[in-house]
Amino acid sequence: MNEKILTPDEARAVRESLRAQGRRLVFTNGCFDILHVGHTRYLQAARSLGDALLVAINSDAAVRSLKGDSRPVMNERERAEMLAALGAVSYVTIFDALSPRALIARLLPDVLVKGGDYGLDEIHGREEVEAAGGRVLALPFVEGVSTSDIIERIRTSVAGDK
């Protein structure tokens, strides 16, 4: 197993260690079903906001509930491994809830980020992070790049090949 892929309990221990060292943890979350340039740009920007970046990904069951029965395309272990391979990502954890709020409240990162397709009032965990003195940011959205769009382009291409 990759040492960057942590259980939620291990993520909590890493968080406590970082805090004890005076280092800033940045947290983001999502499905990250098909990794694309929008994700990599976003994760690099997120990482620049602190000393370590923890990416929490939705479990396969949670992705199915959020996105439908045809998703995820990549299973949770594969998604975690691909994210862990990125230089900008310090740690990855998998969570099973539909919302990351409980995990965020448990970790209380210094910085909580989501993509610009979210308003600040829509970011789960915002209240908890801000109450603990942390920052919550919506980073610029990379226009024209989304997993849903990529899947649709593949479907269209495959249908056109028939």
N, C-alpha and C. Protein backbone atom coordinates (compact mmCIF):
# COMPACT_ATOMS: atom_id res chain seq x y z
N MET A 1 0.84 -1.19 0.00
CA MET A 1 0.00 0.00 0.00
C MET A 1 0.88 1.26 0.00
N ASN A 2 0.42 2.26 -0.65
CA ASN A 2 1.14 3.54 -0.75
C ASN A 2 1.10 4.25 0.60
N GLU A 3 2.23 4.73 1.07
CA GLU A 3 2.29 5.39 2.39
C GLU A 3 1.57 6.73 2.41
N LYS A 4 1.21 7.25 1.24
CA LYS A 4 0.46 8.51 1.18
C LYS A 4 -1.05 8.28 1.32
N ILE A 5 -1.49 7.03 1.18
CA ILE A 5 -2.91 6.71 1.29
C ILE A 5 -3.19 6.30 2.74
N LEU A 6 -4.01 7.09 3.41
CA LEU A 6 -4.25 6.93 4.84
C LEU A 6 -5.71 6.58 5.14
N THR A 7 -5.93 5.87 6.22
CA THR A 7 -7.28 5.73 6.74
C THR A 7 -7.65 7.08 7.37
N PRO A 8 -8.93 7.33 7.60
CA PRO A 8 -9.28 8.57 8.30
C PRO A 8 -8.60 8.71 9.66
N ASP A 9 -8.42 7.61 10.39
CA ASP A 9 -7.72 7.67 11.69
C ASP A 9 -6.25 8.05 11.50
N GLU A 10 -5.61 7.49 10.48
CA GLU A 10 -4.22 7.85 10.20
C GLU A 10 -4.12 9.31 9.77
N ALA A 11 -5.10 9.78 9.01
CA ALA A 11 -5.13 11.19 8.60
C ALA A 11 -5.22 12.09 9.82
N ARG A 12 -5.99 11.69 10.80
CA ARG A 12 -6.11 12.47 12.04
C ARG A 12 -4.76 12.54 12.76
N ALA A 13 -4.04 11.42 12.82
CA ALA A 13 -2.73 11.40 13.47
C ALA A 13 -1.74 12.29 12.72
N VAL A 14 -1.77 12.26 11.39
CA VAL A 14 -0.90 13.12 10.58
C VAL A 14 -1.26 14.57 10.84
N ARG A 15 -2.54 14.88 10.92
CA ARG A 15 -2.99 16.25 11.19
C ARG A 15 -2.44 16.74 12.52
N GLU A 16 -2.53 15.90 13.55
CA GLU A 16 -2.02 16.28 14.86
C GLU A 16 -0.51 16.51 14.83
N SER A 17 0.21 15.68 14.08
CA SER A 17 1.65 15.83 13.95
C SER A 17 2.01 17.14 13.25
N LEU A 18 1.31 17.44 12.16
CA LEU A 18 1.55 18.68 11.44
C LEU A 18 1.28 19.88 12.33
N ARG A 19 0.19 19.84 13.07
CA ARG A 19 -0.17 20.95 13.96
C ARG A 19 0.93 21.14 15.01
N ALA A 20 1.43 20.04 15.57
CA ALA A 20 2.47 20.12 16.60
C ALA A 20 3.76 20.74 16.04
N GLN A 21 3.99 20.56 14.73
CA GLN A 21 5.17 21.12 14.08
C GLN A 21 4.94 22.54 13.56
N GLY A 22 3.74 23.07 13.75
CA GLY A 22 3.41 24.40 13.26
C GLY A 22 3.24 24.46 11.75
N ARG A 23 2.95 23.31 11.15
CA ARG A 23 2.79 23.25 9.70
C ARG A 23 1.30 23.32 9.34
N ARG A 24 1.01 23.93 8.18
CA ARG A 24 -0.37 24.16 7.75
C ARG A 24 -0.88 23.04 6.85
N LEU A 25 -2.05 22.49 7.20
CA LEU A 25 -2.69 21.45 6.39
C LEU A 25 -3.79 22.07 5.54
N VAL A 26 -3.74 21.77 4.24
CA VAL A 26 -4.79 22.15 3.30
C VAL A 26 -5.60 20.89 3.03
N PHE A 27 -6.92 21.04 3.00
CA PHE A 27 -7.83 19.90 2.79
C PHE A 27 -8.73 20.21 1.61
N THR A 28 -8.91 19.22 0.75
CA THR A 28 -9.95 19.29 -0.27
C THR A 28 -10.54 17.91 -0.43
N ASN A 29 -11.66 17.86 -1.10
CA ASN A 29 -12.33 16.58 -1.28
C ASN A 29 -13.07 16.55 -2.60
N GLY A 30 -13.41 15.35 -3.04
CA GLY A 30 -14.19 15.17 -4.25
C GLY A 30 -14.16 13.73 -4.71
N CYS A 31 -14.79 13.49 -5.86
CA CYS A 31 -14.83 12.14 -6.42
C CYS A 31 -13.54 11.80 -7.16
N PHE A 32 -13.01 12.77 -7.93
CA PHE A 32 -11.79 12.58 -8.72
C PHE A 32 -11.86 11.28 -9.51
N ASP A 33 -12.99 11.11 -10.23
CA ASP A 33 -13.27 9.85 -10.92
C ASP A 33 -12.35 9.61 -12.11
N ILE A 34 -12.23 10.58 -12.98
CA ILE A 34 -11.27 10.51 -14.09
C ILE A 34 -10.37 11.73 -13.93
N LEU A 35 -9.13 11.49 -13.62
CA LEU A 35 -8.19 12.58 -13.38
C LEU A 35 -7.94 13.36 -14.68
N HIS A 36 -8.04 14.69 -14.62
CA HIS A 36 -7.85 15.52 -15.80
C HIS A 36 -7.11 16.80 -15.42
N VAL A 37 -6.79 17.61 -16.43
CA VAL A 37 -5.97 18.80 -16.22
C VAL A 37 -6.62 19.79 -15.25
N GLY A 38 -7.93 19.85 -15.24
CA GLY A 38 -8.60 20.72 -14.27
C GLY A 38 -8.27 20.30 -12.85
N HIS A 39 -8.24 18.99 -12.61
CA HIS A 39 -7.88 18.48 -11.29
C HIS A 39 -6.43 18.82 -10.95
N THR A 40 -5.52 18.58 -11.87
CA THR A 40 -4.10 18.79 -11.55
C THR A 40 -3.80 20.26 -11.28
N ARG A 41 -4.39 21.15 -12.07
CA ARG A 41 -4.19 22.58 -11.82
C ARG A 41 -4.77 22.99 -10.47
N TYR A 42 -5.95 22.49 -10.19
CA TYR A 42 -6.62 22.79 -8.92
C TYR A 42 -5.80 22.28 -7.73
N LEU A 43 -5.31 21.05 -7.83
CA LEU A 43 -4.54 20.47 -6.72
C LEU A 43 -3.22 21.20 -6.52
N GLN A 44 -2.57 21.63 -7.58
CA GLN A 44 -1.34 22.41 -7.44
C GLN A 44 -1.62 23.74 -6.74
N ALA A 45 -2.71 24.39 -7.13
CA ALA A 45 -3.08 25.66 -6.48
C ALA A 45 -3.41 25.44 -5.01
N ALA A 46 -4.13 24.36 -4.71
CA ALA A 46 -4.48 24.06 -3.33
C ALA A 46 -3.22 23.81 -2.50
N ARG A 47 -2.30 23.05 -3.03
CA ARG A 47 -1.06 22.72 -2.32
C ARG A 47 -0.24 23.96 -1.98
N SER A 48 -0.31 24.96 -2.84
CA SER A 48 0.48 26.17 -2.62
C SER A 48 -0.01 26.98 -1.41
N LEU A 49 -1.15 26.61 -0.85
CA LEU A 49 -1.73 27.35 0.27
C LEU A 49 -1.27 26.85 1.64
N GLY A 50 -0.44 25.81 1.67
CA GLY A 50 0.01 25.28 2.96
C GLY A 50 1.21 24.38 2.81
N ASP A 51 1.50 23.66 3.88
CA ASP A 51 2.67 22.78 3.90
C ASP A 51 2.38 21.37 3.44
N ALA A 52 1.12 20.95 3.53
CA ALA A 52 0.72 19.60 3.13
C ALA A 52 -0.71 19.66 2.61
N LEU A 53 -1.00 18.84 1.60
CA LEU A 53 -2.34 18.76 1.02
C LEU A 53 -2.91 17.37 1.24
N LEU A 54 -4.05 17.31 1.90
CA LEU A 54 -4.80 16.08 2.09
C LEU A 54 -6.01 16.10 1.17
N VAL A 55 -6.11 15.10 0.31
CA VAL A 55 -7.26 14.97 -0.59
C VAL A 55 -8.11 13.81 -0.09
N ALA A 56 -9.36 14.12 0.26
CA ALA A 56 -10.31 13.10 0.70
C ALA A 56 -11.21 12.77 -0.48
N ILE A 57 -11.27 11.49 -0.84
CA ILE A 57 -12.11 11.09 -1.97
C ILE A 57 -13.31 10.30 -1.48
N ASN A 58 -14.41 10.49 -2.20
CA ASN A 58 -15.62 9.74 -1.89
C ASN A 58 -15.41 8.27 -2.22
N SER A 59 -15.93 7.40 -1.36
CA SER A 59 -15.88 5.97 -1.63
C SER A 59 -16.71 5.64 -2.87
N ASP A 60 -16.54 4.44 -3.39
CA ASP A 60 -17.32 4.02 -4.55
C ASP A 60 -18.82 4.12 -4.27
N ALA A 61 -19.25 3.67 -3.10
CA ALA A 61 -20.68 3.72 -2.76
C ALA A 61 -21.19 5.15 -2.74
N ALA A 62 -20.40 6.06 -2.18
CA ALA A 62 -20.81 7.46 -2.12
C ALA A 62 -20.86 8.07 -3.52
N VAL A 63 -19.91 7.74 -4.38
CA VAL A 63 -19.93 8.26 -5.75
C VAL A 63 -21.18 7.78 -6.48
N ARG A 64 -21.53 6.51 -6.32
CA ARG A 64 -22.75 5.99 -6.96
C ARG A 64 -23.98 6.76 -6.48
N SER A 65 -24.03 7.04 -5.19
CA SER A 65 -25.16 7.81 -4.65
C SER A 65 -25.20 9.23 -5.20
N LEU A 66 -24.03 9.84 -5.36
CA LEU A 66 -23.95 11.22 -5.83
C LEU A 66 -24.10 11.36 -7.35
N LYS A 67 -23.53 10.42 -8.09
CA LYS A 67 -23.40 10.59 -9.55
C LYS A 67 -24.24 9.60 -10.37
N GLY A 68 -24.76 8.55 -9.74
CA GLY A 68 -25.54 7.56 -10.47
C GLY A 68 -24.83 6.23 -10.58
N ASP A 69 -25.59 5.22 -11.02
CA ASP A 69 -25.10 3.84 -11.04
C ASP A 69 -23.94 3.59 -12.00
N SER A 70 -23.77 4.46 -13.00
CA SER A 70 -22.67 4.25 -13.95
C SER A 70 -21.33 4.78 -13.44
N ARG A 71 -21.32 5.36 -12.28
CA ARG A 71 -20.11 5.93 -11.70
C ARG A 71 -19.83 5.25 -10.37
N PRO A 72 -18.60 5.18 -9.93
CA PRO A 72 -17.42 5.76 -10.56
C PRO A 72 -16.92 4.89 -11.72
N VAL A 73 -16.16 5.51 -12.60
CA VAL A 73 -15.52 4.79 -13.69
C VAL A 73 -14.31 4.04 -13.13
N MET A 74 -13.55 4.70 -12.26
CA MET A 74 -12.37 4.12 -11.61
C MET A 74 -12.73 3.82 -10.15
N ASN A 75 -12.29 2.67 -9.64
CA ASN A 75 -12.64 2.35 -8.26
C ASN A 75 -11.83 3.20 -7.26
N GLU A 76 -12.26 3.20 -6.03
CA GLU A 76 -11.67 4.09 -5.01
C GLU A 76 -10.19 3.85 -4.80
N ARG A 77 -9.74 2.62 -4.85
CA ARG A 77 -8.30 2.33 -4.66
C ARG A 77 -7.49 2.91 -5.82
N GLU A 78 -7.99 2.74 -7.04
CA GLU A 78 -7.29 3.29 -8.21
C GLU A 78 -7.26 4.81 -8.17
N ARG A 79 -8.40 5.42 -7.81
CA ARG A 79 -8.45 6.89 -7.71
C ARG A 79 -7.48 7.39 -6.65
N ALA A 80 -7.44 6.71 -5.51
CA ALA A 80 -6.53 7.11 -4.44
C ALA A 80 -5.07 6.98 -4.88
N GLU A 81 -4.75 5.90 -5.56
CA GLU A 81 -3.38 5.67 -6.01
C GLU A 81 -2.93 6.71 -7.04
N MET A 82 -3.82 7.05 -7.96
CA MET A 82 -3.47 8.07 -8.97
C MET A 82 -3.24 9.42 -8.31
N LEU A 83 -4.10 9.81 -7.38
CA LEU A 83 -3.91 11.08 -6.69
C LEU A 83 -2.64 11.07 -5.86
N ALA A 84 -2.36 9.97 -5.19
CA ALA A 84 -1.16 9.86 -4.36
C ALA A 84 0.12 9.99 -5.19
N ALA A 85 0.04 9.65 -6.47
CA ALA A 85 1.22 9.73 -7.34
C ALA A 85 1.55 11.17 -7.74
N LEU A 86 0.63 12.10 -7.52
CA LEU A 86 0.87 13.49 -7.90
C LEU A 86 1.75 14.18 -6.87
N GLY A 87 2.71 14.95 -7.34
CA GLY A 87 3.63 15.65 -6.45
C GLY A 87 2.94 16.65 -5.53
N ALA A 88 1.86 17.25 -5.99
CA ALA A 88 1.16 18.26 -5.18
C ALA A 88 0.40 17.65 -4.01
N VAL A 89 0.11 16.36 -4.10
CA VAL A 89 -0.71 15.70 -3.08
C VAL A 89 0.18 15.04 -2.03
N SER A 90 -0.02 15.45 -0.78
CA SER A 90 0.76 14.88 0.32
C SER A 90 0.14 13.59 0.84
N TYR A 91 -1.19 13.59 0.95
CA TYR A 91 -1.92 12.46 1.52
C TYR A 91 -3.28 12.33 0.85
N VAL A 92 -3.80 11.09 0.85
CA VAL A 92 -5.13 10.80 0.33
C VAL A 92 -5.84 9.93 1.35
N THR A 93 -7.12 10.19 1.56
CA THR A 93 -7.94 9.32 2.38
C THR A 93 -9.27 9.12 1.67
N ILE A 94 -9.93 8.03 2.00
CA ILE A 94 -11.22 7.69 1.40
C ILE A 94 -12.27 7.78 2.50
N PHE A 95 -13.40 8.46 2.19
CA PHE A 95 -14.47 8.54 3.17
C PHE A 95 -15.77 8.06 2.54
N ASP A 96 -16.63 7.49 3.36
CA ASP A 96 -17.82 6.81 2.86
C ASP A 96 -19.08 7.66 2.91
N ALA A 97 -19.07 8.76 3.60
CA ALA A 97 -20.27 9.60 3.73
C ALA A 97 -20.50 10.40 2.45
N LEU A 98 -21.73 10.87 2.25
CA LEU A 98 -22.02 11.71 1.10
C LEU A 98 -21.39 13.09 1.26
N SER A 99 -21.27 13.55 2.50
CA SER A 99 -20.66 14.84 2.80
C SER A 99 -19.38 14.63 3.61
N PRO A 100 -18.36 15.44 3.35
CA PRO A 100 -17.12 15.32 4.12
C PRO A 100 -17.17 16.08 5.45
N ARG A 101 -18.32 16.66 5.81
CA ARG A 101 -18.41 17.54 6.98
C ARG A 101 -17.86 16.89 8.25
N ALA A 102 -18.23 15.65 8.55
CA ALA A 102 -17.76 15.01 9.78
C ALA A 102 -16.24 14.83 9.77
N LEU A 103 -15.69 14.44 8.62
CA LEU A 103 -14.24 14.28 8.51
C LEU A 103 -13.53 15.62 8.68
N ILE A 104 -14.06 16.65 8.05
CA ILE A 104 -13.48 17.99 8.17
C ILE A 104 -13.54 18.47 9.61
N ALA A 105 -14.67 18.27 10.28
CA ALA A 105 -14.82 18.69 11.67
C ALA A 105 -13.84 17.94 12.57
N ARG A 106 -13.53 16.72 12.21
CA ARG A 106 -12.58 15.92 13.00
C ARG A 106 -11.14 16.39 12.79
N LEU A 107 -10.81 16.77 11.56
CA LEU A 107 -9.44 17.15 11.23
C LEU A 107 -9.16 18.64 11.45
N LEU A 108 -10.15 19.48 11.24
CA LEU A 108 -10.01 20.93 11.34
C LEU A 108 -8.74 21.42 10.63
N PRO A 109 -8.72 21.29 9.30
CA PRO A 109 -7.54 21.76 8.55
C PRO A 109 -7.39 23.27 8.68
N ASP A 110 -6.18 23.74 8.42
CA ASP A 110 -5.92 25.19 8.44
C ASP A 110 -6.59 25.88 7.27
N VAL A 111 -6.64 25.18 6.12
CA VAL A 111 -7.24 25.73 4.92
C VAL A 111 -8.13 24.64 4.31
N LEU A 112 -9.36 25.02 3.99
CA LEU A 112 -10.32 24.14 3.31
C LEU A 112 -10.58 24.76 1.95
N VAL A 113 -10.39 23.99 0.88
CA VAL A 113 -10.61 24.52 -0.46
C VAL A 113 -11.53 23.62 -1.26
N LYS A 114 -12.26 24.27 -2.17
CA LYS A 114 -13.08 23.58 -3.17
C LYS A 114 -12.90 24.36 -4.47
N GLY A 115 -13.38 23.78 -5.55
CA GLY A 115 -13.30 24.44 -6.83
C GLY A 115 -14.28 25.61 -6.92
N GLY A 116 -14.03 26.49 -7.86
CA GLY A 116 -14.83 27.70 -8.03
C GLY A 116 -16.26 27.44 -8.45
N ASP A 117 -16.61 26.19 -8.73
CA ASP A 117 -18.00 25.88 -9.03
C ASP A 117 -18.83 25.80 -7.75
N TYR A 118 -18.19 25.99 -6.61
CA TYR A 118 -18.87 26.05 -5.31
C TYR A 118 -18.82 27.47 -4.77
N GLY A 119 -19.94 27.96 -4.27
CA GLY A 119 -19.94 29.20 -3.51
C GLY A 119 -19.45 28.91 -2.11
N LEU A 120 -18.91 29.90 -1.41
CA LEU A 120 -18.41 29.66 -0.05
C LEU A 120 -19.50 29.10 0.86
N ASP A 121 -20.73 29.54 0.68
CA ASP A 121 -21.82 29.06 1.53
C ASP A 121 -22.23 27.62 1.20
N GLU A 122 -21.71 27.05 0.11
CA GLU A 122 -22.01 25.67 -0.28
C GLU A 122 -20.92 24.68 0.15
N ILE A 123 -19.83 25.17 0.70
CA ILE A 123 -18.70 24.31 1.05
C ILE A 123 -18.95 23.64 2.39
N HIS A 124 -19.10 22.32 2.35
CA HIS A 124 -19.32 21.56 3.58
C HIS A 124 -18.11 21.66 4.49
N GLY A 125 -18.34 21.94 5.75
CA GLY A 125 -17.27 22.07 6.73
C GLY A 125 -16.80 23.49 6.94
N ARG A 126 -17.32 24.42 6.15
CA ARG A 126 -16.88 25.82 6.24
C ARG A 126 -17.04 26.37 7.65
N GLU A 127 -18.20 26.17 8.23
CA GLU A 127 -18.47 26.72 9.55
C GLU A 127 -17.48 26.20 10.60
N GLU A 128 -17.22 24.90 10.55
CA GLU A 128 -16.31 24.29 11.51
C GLU A 128 -14.89 24.81 11.36
N VAL A 129 -14.42 24.91 10.13
CA VAL A 129 -13.05 25.36 9.88
C VAL A 129 -12.90 26.82 10.28
N GLU A 130 -13.85 27.65 9.89
CA GLU A 130 -13.76 29.07 10.24
C GLU A 130 -13.86 29.27 11.75
N ALA A 131 -14.70 28.50 12.42
CA ALA A 131 -14.83 28.62 13.88
C ALA A 131 -13.53 28.26 14.59
N ALA A 132 -12.73 27.39 13.96
CA ALA A 132 -11.44 26.99 14.53
C ALA A 132 -10.31 27.92 14.09
N GLY A 133 -10.65 28.98 13.35
CA GLY A 133 -9.63 29.94 12.93
C GLY A 133 -9.01 29.67 11.57
N GLY A 134 -9.55 28.69 10.85
CA GLY A 134 -9.01 28.36 9.53
C GLY A 134 -9.63 29.19 8.42
N ARG A 135 -9.07 29.04 7.23
CA ARG A 135 -9.55 29.75 6.04
C ARG A 135 -10.29 28.80 5.13
N VAL A 136 -11.31 29.31 4.45
CA VAL A 136 -12.07 28.54 3.47
C VAL A 136 -12.06 29.31 2.16
N LEU A 137 -11.64 28.63 1.09
CA LEU A 137 -11.50 29.29 -0.21
C LEU A 137 -12.13 28.46 -1.32
N ALA A 138 -12.67 29.15 -2.31
CA ALA A 138 -13.09 28.53 -3.55
C ALA A 138 -12.07 28.93 -4.61
N LEU A 139 -11.33 27.97 -5.13
CA LEU A 139 -10.29 28.25 -6.12
C LEU A 139 -10.91 28.36 -7.51
N PRO A 140 -10.26 29.09 -8.41
CA PRO A 140 -10.82 29.26 -9.76
C PRO A 140 -11.10 27.92 -10.44
N PHE A 141 -12.24 27.87 -11.10
CA PHE A 141 -12.67 26.69 -11.83
C PHE A 141 -12.01 26.69 -13.20
N VAL A 142 -11.51 25.55 -13.65
CA VAL A 142 -10.93 25.44 -14.98
C VAL A 142 -12.08 25.18 -15.95
N GLU A 143 -12.38 26.17 -16.75
CA GLU A 143 -13.52 26.09 -17.68
C GLU A 143 -13.29 25.03 -18.75
N GLY A 144 -14.37 24.35 -19.11
CA GLY A 144 -14.34 23.42 -20.23
C GLY A 144 -13.76 22.05 -19.93
N VAL A 145 -13.45 21.79 -18.66
CA VAL A 145 -12.88 20.49 -18.30
C VAL A 145 -13.64 19.94 -17.10
N SER A 146 -14.33 18.83 -17.31
CA SER A 146 -14.98 18.15 -16.19
C SER A 146 -15.05 16.67 -16.51
N THR A 147 -15.13 15.86 -15.48
CA THR A 147 -15.24 14.42 -15.68
C THR A 147 -16.49 14.08 -16.48
N SER A 148 -17.61 14.72 -16.15
CA SER A 148 -18.86 14.45 -16.87
C SER A 148 -18.72 14.78 -18.35
N ASP A 149 -18.05 15.91 -18.66
CA ASP A 149 -17.83 16.28 -20.07
C ASP A 149 -16.95 15.26 -20.78
N ILE A 150 -15.91 14.79 -20.11
CA ILE A 150 -15.01 13.79 -20.71
C ILE A 150 -15.78 12.50 -20.99
N ILE A 151 -16.59 12.06 -20.03
CA ILE A 151 -17.37 10.84 -20.23
C ILE A 151 -18.33 11.01 -21.41
N GLU A 152 -18.96 12.17 -21.51
CA GLU A 152 -19.88 12.42 -22.63
C GLU A 152 -19.13 12.43 -23.96
N ARG A 153 -17.93 13.02 -23.99
CA ARG A 153 -17.14 13.01 -25.24
C ARG A 153 -16.76 11.60 -25.64
N ILE A 154 -16.45 10.75 -24.66
CA ILE A 154 -16.11 9.35 -24.96
C ILE A 154 -17.34 8.64 -25.51
N ARG A 155 -18.47 8.83 -24.87
CA ARG A 155 -19.71 8.19 -25.34
C ARG A 155 -20.03 8.61 -26.78
N THR A 156 -19.90 9.89 -27.06
CA THR A 156 -20.19 10.42 -28.39
C THR A 156 -19.21 9.83 -29.41
N SER A 157 -17.95 9.75 -29.03
CA SER A 157 -16.93 9.20 -29.92
C SER A 157 -17.19 7.73 -30.21
N VAL A 158 -17.53 6.98 -29.19
CA VAL A 158 -17.79 5.54 -29.35
C VAL A 158 -19.04 5.35 -30.22
N ALA A 159 -20.08 6.14 -29.98
CA ALA A 159 -21.31 6.05 -30.77
C ALA A 159 -21.03 6.40 -32.22
N GLY A 160 -20.15 7.36 -32.46
CA GLY A 160 -19.79 7.77 -33.82
C GLY A 160 -18.97 6.73 -34.55
N ASP A 161 -18.27 5.87 -33.81
CA ASP A 161 -17.44 4.82 -34.41
C ASP A 161 -18.26 3.61 -34.85
N LYS A 162 -19.52 3.56 -34.46
CA LYS A 162 -20.34 2.38 -34.79
C LYS A 162 -20.90 2.48 -36.17
